[in-house]
Amino acid sequence: FAARTLAEWTERLATLSGPWAPVQDSLQV
């Protein structure tokens, strides 16, 4: 996971079958 940015992982994990989420602060939401 340290090899890619959150944006890259968000695109790659869009088809992942298990639950996951980005950790977001009160501005990022």
PDB file of all heavy atoms in Angstrom:
ATOM      1  N   PHE A   1       0.826  -1.216   0.000  1.00  0.00           N
ATOM      2  CA  PHE A   1       0.000   0.000   0.000  1.00  0.00           C
ATOM      3  C   PHE A   1       0.853   1.255   0.000  1.00  0.00           C
ATOM      4  O   PHE A   1       0.412   2.311  -0.463  1.00  0.00           O
ATOM      5  CB  PHE A   1      -0.955  -0.014   1.188  1.00  0.00           C
ATOM      6  CG  PHE A   1      -2.128  -0.924   1.000  1.00  0.00           C
ATOM      7  CD1 PHE A   1      -2.318  -2.020   1.830  1.00  0.00           C
ATOM      8  CD2 PHE A   1      -3.034  -0.709  -0.014  1.00  0.00           C
ATOM      9  CE1 PHE A   1      -3.407  -2.873   1.654  1.00  0.00           C
ATOM     10  CE2 PHE A   1      -4.121  -1.553  -0.205  1.00  0.00           C
ATOM     11  CZ  PHE A   1      -4.299  -2.638   0.628  1.00  0.00           C
ATOM     12  N   ALA A   2       2.075   1.171   0.501  1.00  0.00           N
ATOM     13  CA  ALA A   2       2.963   2.339   0.525  1.00  0.00           C
ATOM     14  C   ALA A   2       3.516   2.681  -0.851  1.00  0.00           C
ATOM     15  O   ALA A   2       4.170   3.715  -1.023  1.00  0.00           O
ATOM     16  CB  ALA A   2       4.116   2.092   1.493  1.00  0.00           C
ATOM     17  N   ALA A   3       3.243   1.860  -1.835  1.00  0.00           N
ATOM     18  CA  ALA A   3       3.800   2.073  -3.174  1.00  0.00           C
ATOM     19  C   ALA A   3       2.965   3.000  -4.045  1.00  0.00           C
ATOM     20  O   ALA A   3       3.434   3.433  -5.107  1.00  0.00           O
ATOM     21  CB  ALA A   3       3.966   0.726  -3.875  1.00  0.00           C
ATOM     22  N   ARG A   4       1.725   3.291  -3.644  1.00  0.00           N
ATOM     23  CA  ARG A   4       0.856   4.126  -4.469  1.00  0.00           C
ATOM     24  C   ARG A   4       0.136   5.168  -3.615  1.00  0.00           C
ATOM     25  O   ARG A   4       0.000   5.020  -2.407  1.00  0.00           O
ATOM     26  CB  ARG A   4      -0.178   3.267  -5.201  1.00  0.00           C
ATOM     27  CG  ARG A   4       0.404   2.376  -6.292  1.00  0.00           C
ATOM     28  CD  ARG A   4      -0.711   1.628  -7.018  1.00  0.00           C
ATOM     29  NE  ARG A   4      -0.206   0.927  -8.204  1.00  0.00           N
ATOM     30  CZ  ARG A   4       0.268  -0.313  -8.179  1.00  0.00           C
ATOM     31  NH1 ARG A   4       0.290  -1.002  -7.033  1.00  0.00           N
ATOM     32  NH2 ARG A   4       0.704  -0.871  -9.291  1.00  0.00           N
ATOM     33  N   THR A   5      -0.367   6.205  -4.284  1.00  0.00           N
ATOM     34  CA  THR A   5      -1.121   7.250  -3.595  1.00  0.00           C
ATOM     35  C   THR A   5      -2.542   6.762  -3.287  1.00  0.00           C
ATOM     36  O   THR A   5      -3.016   5.765  -3.848  1.00  0.00           O
ATOM     37  CB  THR A   5      -1.216   8.518  -4.458  1.00  0.00           C
ATOM     38  OG1 THR A   5      -2.008   8.216  -5.622  1.00  0.00           O
ATOM     39  CG2 THR A   5       0.159   9.015  -4.872  1.00  0.00           C
ATOM     40  N   LEU A   6      -3.204   7.518  -2.424  1.00  0.00           N
ATOM     41  CA  LEU A   6      -4.589   7.185  -2.110  1.00  0.00           C
ATOM     42  C   LEU A   6      -5.454   7.253  -3.365  1.00  0.00           C
ATOM     43  O   LEU A   6      -6.329   6.398  -3.568  1.00  0.00           O
ATOM     44  CB  LEU A   6      -5.133   8.133  -1.045  1.00  0.00           C
ATOM     45  CG  LEU A   6      -6.603   7.938  -0.684  1.00  0.00           C
ATOM     46  CD1 LEU A   6      -6.848   6.558  -0.080  1.00  0.00           C
ATOM     47  CD2 LEU A   6      -7.089   9.024   0.263  1.00  0.00           C
ATOM     48  N   ALA A   7      -5.245   8.259  -4.200  1.00  0.00           N
ATOM     49  CA  ALA A   7      -6.044   8.379  -5.429  1.00  0.00           C
ATOM     50  C   ALA A   7      -5.855   7.158  -6.319  1.00  0.00           C
ATOM     51  O   ALA A   7      -6.817   6.645  -6.909  1.00  0.00           O
ATOM     52  CB  ALA A   7      -5.663   9.648  -6.178  1.00  0.00           C
ATOM     53  N   GLU A   8      -4.627   6.683  -6.412  1.00  0.00           N
ATOM     54  CA  GLU A   8      -4.375   5.489  -7.226  1.00  0.00           C
ATOM     55  C   GLU A   8      -5.055   4.263  -6.629  1.00  0.00           C
ATOM     56  O   GLU A   8      -5.654   3.457  -7.346  1.00  0.00           O
ATOM     57  CB  GLU A   8      -2.868   5.260  -7.338  1.00  0.00           C
ATOM     58  CG  GLU A   8      -2.150   6.307  -8.184  1.00  0.00           C
ATOM     59  CD  GLU A   8      -0.650   6.151  -8.146  1.00  0.00           C
ATOM     60  OE1 GLU A   8      -0.084   6.032  -7.041  1.00  0.00           O
ATOM     61  OE2 GLU A   8      -0.033   6.149  -9.230  1.00  0.00           O
ATOM     62  N   TRP A   9      -4.965   4.143  -5.309  1.00  0.00           N
ATOM     63  CA  TRP A   9      -5.621   2.995  -4.668  1.00  0.00           C
ATOM     64  C   TRP A   9      -7.136   3.088  -4.781  1.00  0.00           C
ATOM     65  O   TRP A   9      -7.822   2.070  -4.927  1.00  0.00           O
ATOM     66  CB  TRP A   9      -5.200   2.889  -3.207  1.00  0.00           C
ATOM     67  CG  TRP A   9      -3.837   2.298  -3.014  1.00  0.00           C
ATOM     68  CD1 TRP A   9      -2.750   2.879  -2.437  1.00  0.00           C
ATOM     69  CD2 TRP A   9      -3.415   1.004  -3.444  1.00  0.00           C
ATOM     70  NE1 TRP A   9      -1.673   2.034  -2.470  1.00  0.00           N
ATOM     71  CE2 TRP A   9      -2.052   0.864  -3.086  1.00  0.00           C
ATOM     72  CE3 TRP A   9      -4.036  -0.054  -4.106  1.00  0.00           C
ATOM     73  CZ2 TRP A   9      -1.320  -0.284  -3.340  1.00  0.00           C
ATOM     74  CZ3 TRP A   9      -3.315  -1.204  -4.368  1.00  0.00           C
ATOM     75  CH2 TRP A   9      -1.971  -1.323  -3.989  1.00  0.00           C
ATOM     76  N   THR A  10      -7.674   4.269  -4.711  1.00  0.00           N
ATOM     77  CA  THR A  10      -9.123   4.430  -4.841  1.00  0.00           C
ATOM     78  C   THR A  10      -9.601   3.897  -6.186  1.00  0.00           C
ATOM     79  O   THR A  10     -10.636   3.219  -6.273  1.00  0.00           O
ATOM     80  CB  THR A  10      -9.510   5.912  -4.687  1.00  0.00           C
ATOM     81  OG1 THR A  10      -9.129   6.361  -3.385  1.00  0.00           O
ATOM     82  CG2 THR A  10     -11.003   6.107  -4.869  1.00  0.00           C
ATOM     83  N   GLU A  11      -8.839   4.165  -7.232  1.00  0.00           N
ATOM     84  CA  GLU A  11      -9.200   3.665  -8.563  1.00  0.00           C
ATOM     85  C   GLU A  11      -9.009   2.152  -8.650  1.00  0.00           C
ATOM     86  O   GLU A  11      -9.871   1.422  -9.166  1.00  0.00           O
ATOM     87  CB  GLU A  11      -8.356   4.368  -9.617  1.00  0.00           C
ATOM     88  CG  GLU A  11      -8.700   3.973 -11.035  1.00  0.00           C
ATOM     89  CD  GLU A  11      -7.899   4.743 -12.071  1.00  0.00           C
ATOM     90  OE1 GLU A  11      -7.227   5.721 -11.695  1.00  0.00           O
ATOM     91  OE2 GLU A  11      -7.955   4.363 -13.260  1.00  0.00           O
ATOM     92  N   ARG A  12      -7.891   1.654  -8.115  1.00  0.00           N
ATOM     93  CA  ARG A  12      -7.590   0.232  -8.221  1.00  0.00           C
ATOM     94  C   ARG A  12      -8.522  -0.628  -7.380  1.00  0.00           C
ATOM     95  O   ARG A  12      -8.878  -1.752  -7.754  1.00  0.00           O
ATOM     96  CB  ARG A  12      -6.140  -0.034  -7.803  1.00  0.00           C
ATOM     97  CG  ARG A  12      -5.108   0.522  -8.754  1.00  0.00           C
ATOM     98  CD  ARG A  12      -3.705   0.229  -8.249  1.00  0.00           C
ATOM     99  NE  ARG A  12      -3.433  -1.208  -8.268  1.00  0.00           N
ATOM    100  CZ  ARG A  12      -2.962  -1.874  -9.303  1.00  0.00           C
ATOM    101  NH1 ARG A  12      -2.747  -1.245 -10.458  1.00  0.00           N
ATOM    102  NH2 ARG A  12      -2.736  -3.168  -9.220  1.00  0.00           N
ATOM    103  N   LEU A  13      -8.908  -0.122  -6.212  1.00  0.00           N
ATOM    104  CA  LEU A  13      -9.721  -0.914  -5.289  1.00  0.00           C
ATOM    105  C   LEU A  13     -11.223  -0.784  -5.532  1.00  0.00           C
ATOM    106  O   LEU A  13     -12.022  -1.314  -4.771  1.00  0.00           O
ATOM    107  CB  LEU A  13      -9.404  -0.521  -3.837  1.00  0.00           C
ATOM    108  CG  LEU A  13      -7.955  -0.719  -3.380  1.00  0.00           C
ATOM    109  CD1 LEU A  13      -7.802  -0.317  -1.911  1.00  0.00           C
ATOM    110  CD2 LEU A  13      -7.492  -2.155  -3.592  1.00  0.00           C
ATOM    111  N   ALA A  14     -11.598  -0.083  -6.574  1.00  0.00           N
ATOM    112  CA  ALA A  14     -13.024   0.105  -6.869  1.00  0.00           C
ATOM    113  C   ALA A  14     -13.740  -1.225  -7.078  1.00  0.00           C
ATOM    114  O   ALA A  14     -14.942  -1.343  -6.813  1.00  0.00           O
ATOM    115  CB  ALA A  14     -13.191   0.988  -8.102  1.00  0.00           C
ATOM    116  N   THR A  15     -13.009  -2.236  -7.527  1.00  0.00           N
ATOM    117  CA  THR A  15     -13.623  -3.553  -7.772  1.00  0.00           C
ATOM    118  C   THR A  15     -13.329  -4.559  -6.664  1.00  0.00           C
ATOM    119  O   THR A  15     -13.689  -5.730  -6.782  1.00  0.00           O
ATOM    120  CB  THR A  15     -13.120  -4.121  -9.107  1.00  0.00           C
ATOM    121  OG1 THR A  15     -11.680  -4.178  -9.094  1.00  0.00           O
ATOM    122  CG2 THR A  15     -13.581  -3.266 -10.271  1.00  0.00           C
ATOM    123  N   LEU A  16     -12.684  -4.123  -5.606  1.00  0.00           N
ATOM    124  CA  LEU A  16     -12.386  -5.024  -4.487  1.00  0.00           C
ATOM    125  C   LEU A  16     -13.688  -5.463  -3.822  1.00  0.00           C
ATOM    126  O   LEU A  16     -14.558  -4.628  -3.528  1.00  0.00           O
ATOM    127  CB  LEU A  16     -11.481  -4.323  -3.481  1.00  0.00           C
ATOM    128  CG  LEU A  16     -11.004  -5.137  -2.280  1.00  0.00           C
ATOM    129  CD1 LEU A  16     -10.115  -6.293  -2.734  1.00  0.00           C
ATOM    130  CD2 LEU A  16     -10.255  -4.237  -1.311  1.00  0.00           C
ATOM    131  N   SER A  17     -13.828  -6.738  -3.562  1.00  0.00           N
ATOM    132  CA  SER A  17     -15.101  -7.252  -3.034  1.00  0.00           C
ATOM    133  C   SER A  17     -15.298  -6.964  -1.550  1.00  0.00           C
ATOM    134  O   SER A  17     -16.424  -6.922  -1.075  1.00  0.00           O
ATOM    135  CB  SER A  17     -15.192  -8.763  -3.281  1.00  0.00           C
ATOM    136  OG  SER A  17     -14.095  -9.432  -2.682  1.00  0.00           O
ATOM    137  N   GLY A  18     -14.219  -6.783  -0.810  1.00  0.00           N
ATOM    138  CA  GLY A  18     -14.342  -6.558   0.637  1.00  0.00           C
ATOM    139  C   GLY A  18     -14.467  -5.090   1.001  1.00  0.00           C
ATOM    140  O   GLY A  18     -14.091  -4.198   0.221  1.00  0.00           O
ATOM    141  N   PRO A  19     -14.987  -4.785   2.207  1.00  0.00           N
ATOM    142  CA  PRO A  19     -15.171  -3.392   2.636  1.00  0.00           C
ATOM    143  C   PRO A  19     -13.834  -2.696   2.931  1.00  0.00           C
ATOM    144  O   PRO A  19     -12.966  -3.246   3.603  1.00  0.00           O
ATOM    145  CB  PRO A  19     -16.012  -3.525   3.912  1.00  0.00           C
ATOM    146  CG  PRO A  19     -16.563  -4.911   3.885  1.00  0.00           C
ATOM    147  CD  PRO A  19     -15.573  -5.742   3.155  1.00  0.00           C
ATOM    148  N   TRP A  20     -13.712  -1.480   2.426  1.00  0.00           N
ATOM    149  CA  TRP A  20     -12.566  -0.631   2.736  1.00  0.00           C
ATOM    150  C   TRP A  20     -13.017   0.816   2.578  1.00  0.00           C
ATOM    151  O   TRP A  20     -14.061   1.093   1.989  1.00  0.00           O
ATOM    152  CB  TRP A  20     -11.385  -0.924   1.790  1.00  0.00           C
ATOM    153  CG  TRP A  20     -11.633  -0.447   0.386  1.00  0.00           C
ATOM    154  CD1 TRP A  20     -12.312  -1.084  -0.596  1.00  0.00           C
ATOM    155  CD2 TRP A  20     -11.236   0.822  -0.159  1.00  0.00           C
ATOM    156  NE1 TRP A  20     -12.374  -0.326  -1.728  1.00  0.00           N
ATOM    157  CE2 TRP A  20     -11.711   0.857  -1.494  1.00  0.00           C
ATOM    158  CE3 TRP A  20     -10.524   1.909   0.335  1.00  0.00           C
ATOM    159  CZ2 TRP A  20     -11.507   1.947  -2.322  1.00  0.00           C
ATOM    160  CZ3 TRP A  20     -10.322   2.999  -0.496  1.00  0.00           C
ATOM    161  CH2 TRP A  20     -10.798   3.007  -1.804  1.00  0.00           C
ATOM    162  N   ALA A  21     -12.235   1.740   3.095  1.00  0.00           N
ATOM    163  CA  ALA A  21     -12.573   3.157   2.969  1.00  0.00           C
ATOM    164  C   ALA A  21     -11.324   4.000   3.114  1.00  0.00           C
ATOM    165  O   ALA A  21     -10.382   3.618   3.812  1.00  0.00           O
ATOM    166  CB  ALA A  21     -13.594   3.564   4.031  1.00  0.00           C
ATOM    167  N   PRO A  22     -11.313   5.161   2.475  1.00  0.00           N
ATOM    168  CA  PRO A  22     -10.232   6.118   2.726  1.00  0.00           C
ATOM    169  C   PRO A  22     -10.442   6.762   4.096  1.00  0.00           C
ATOM    170  O   PRO A  22     -11.592   6.980   4.518  1.00  0.00           O
ATOM    171  CB  PRO A  22     -10.407   7.142   1.610  1.00  0.00           C
ATOM    172  CG  PRO A  22     -11.868   7.090   1.282  1.00  0.00           C
ATOM    173  CD  PRO A  22     -12.282   5.660   1.488  1.00  0.00           C
ATOM    174  N   VAL A  23      -9.377   7.051   4.792  1.00  0.00           N
ATOM    175  CA  VAL A  23      -9.473   7.798   6.051  1.00  0.00           C
ATOM    176  C   VAL A  23      -9.476   9.280   5.681  1.00  0.00           C
ATOM    177  O   VAL A  23      -8.526   9.782   5.068  1.00  0.00           O
ATOM    178  CB  VAL A  23      -8.299   7.466   6.979  1.00  0.00           C
ATOM    179  CG1 VAL A  23      -8.366   8.313   8.245  1.00  0.00           C
ATOM    180  CG2 VAL A  23      -8.328   5.975   7.337  1.00  0.00           C
ATOM    181  N   GLN A  24     -10.539   9.990   6.053  1.00  0.00           N
ATOM    182  CA  GLN A  24     -10.722  11.380   5.638  1.00  0.00           C
ATOM    183  C   GLN A  24     -10.867  12.299   6.836  1.00  0.00           C
ATOM    184  O   GLN A  24     -11.461  11.930   7.850  1.00  0.00           O
ATOM    185  CB  GLN A  24     -11.967  11.501   4.744  1.00  0.00           C
ATOM    186  CG  GLN A  24     -11.896  10.642   3.489  1.00  0.00           C
ATOM    187  CD  GLN A  24     -13.060  10.847   2.547  1.00  0.00           C
ATOM    188  OE1 GLN A  24     -12.891  10.844   1.339  1.00  0.00           O
ATOM    189  NE2 GLN A  24     -14.265  10.999   3.073  1.00  0.00           N
ATOM    190  N   ASP A  25     -10.350  13.513   6.700  1.00  0.00           N
ATOM    191  CA  ASP A  25     -10.543  14.504   7.751  1.00  0.00           C
ATOM    192  C   ASP A  25     -11.797  15.324   7.461  1.00  0.00           C
ATOM    193  O   ASP A  25     -12.511  15.088   6.469  1.00  0.00           O
ATOM    194  CB  ASP A  25      -9.294  15.374   7.934  1.00  0.00           C
ATOM    195  CG  ASP A  25      -8.943  16.216   6.702  1.00  0.00           C
ATOM    196  OD1 ASP A  25      -9.860  16.575   5.924  1.00  0.00           O
ATOM    197  OD2 ASP A  25      -7.755  16.535   6.517  1.00  0.00           O
ATOM    198  N   SER A  26     -12.050  16.307   8.317  1.00  0.00           N
ATOM    199  CA  SER A  26     -13.311  17.050   8.224  1.00  0.00           C
ATOM    200  C   SER A  26     -13.373  17.967   7.019  1.00  0.00           C
ATOM    201  O   SER A  26     -14.461  18.435   6.663  1.00  0.00           O
ATOM    202  CB  SER A  26     -13.532  17.865   9.511  1.00  0.00           C
ATOM    203  OG  SER A  26     -12.424  18.722   9.755  1.00  0.00           O
ATOM    204  N   LEU A  27     -12.249  18.232   6.365  1.00  0.00           N
ATOM    205  CA  LEU A  27     -12.263  18.993   5.118  1.00  0.00           C
ATOM    206  C   LEU A  27     -12.369  18.055   3.918  1.00  0.00           C
ATOM    207  O   LEU A  27     -13.089  18.334   2.959  1.00  0.00           O
ATOM    208  CB  LEU A  27     -10.994  19.849   5.010  1.00  0.00           C
ATOM    209  CG  LEU A  27     -10.835  20.671   3.721  1.00  0.00           C
ATOM    210  CD1 LEU A  27     -12.001  21.651   3.547  1.00  0.00           C
ATOM    211  CD2 LEU A  27      -9.508  21.416   3.727  1.00  0.00           C
ATOM    212  N   GLN A  28     -11.672  16.937   3.976  1.00  0.00           N
ATOM    213  CA  GLN A  28     -11.648  16.000   2.853  1.00  0.00           C
ATOM    214  C   GLN A  28     -13.012  15.405   2.534  1.00  0.00           C
ATOM    215  O   GLN A  28     -13.292  15.069   1.384  1.00  0.00           O
ATOM    216  CB  GLN A  28     -10.625  14.894   3.136  1.00  0.00           C
ATOM    217  CG  GLN A  28      -9.192  15.396   3.083  1.00  0.00           C
ATOM    218  CD  GLN A  28      -8.213  14.505   3.813  1.00  0.00           C
ATOM    219  OE1 GLN A  28      -8.605  13.594   4.547  1.00  0.00           O
ATOM    220  NE2 GLN A  28      -6.927  14.764   3.633  1.00  0.00           N
ATOM    221  N   VAL A  29     -13.887  15.295   3.543  1.00  0.00           N
ATOM    222  CA  VAL A  29     -15.211  14.728   3.260  1.00  0.00           C
ATOM    223  C   VAL A  29     -15.981  15.569   2.252  1.00  0.00           C
ATOM    224  O   VAL A  29     -16.857  15.067   1.539  1.00  0.00           O
ATOM    225  CB  VAL A  29     -16.051  14.552   4.555  1.00  0.00           C
ATOM    226  CG1 VAL A  29     -15.415  13.550   5.487  1.00  0.00           C
ATOM    227  CG2 VAL A  29     -16.278  15.886   5.262  1.00  0.00           C
TER     228      VAL A  29
END
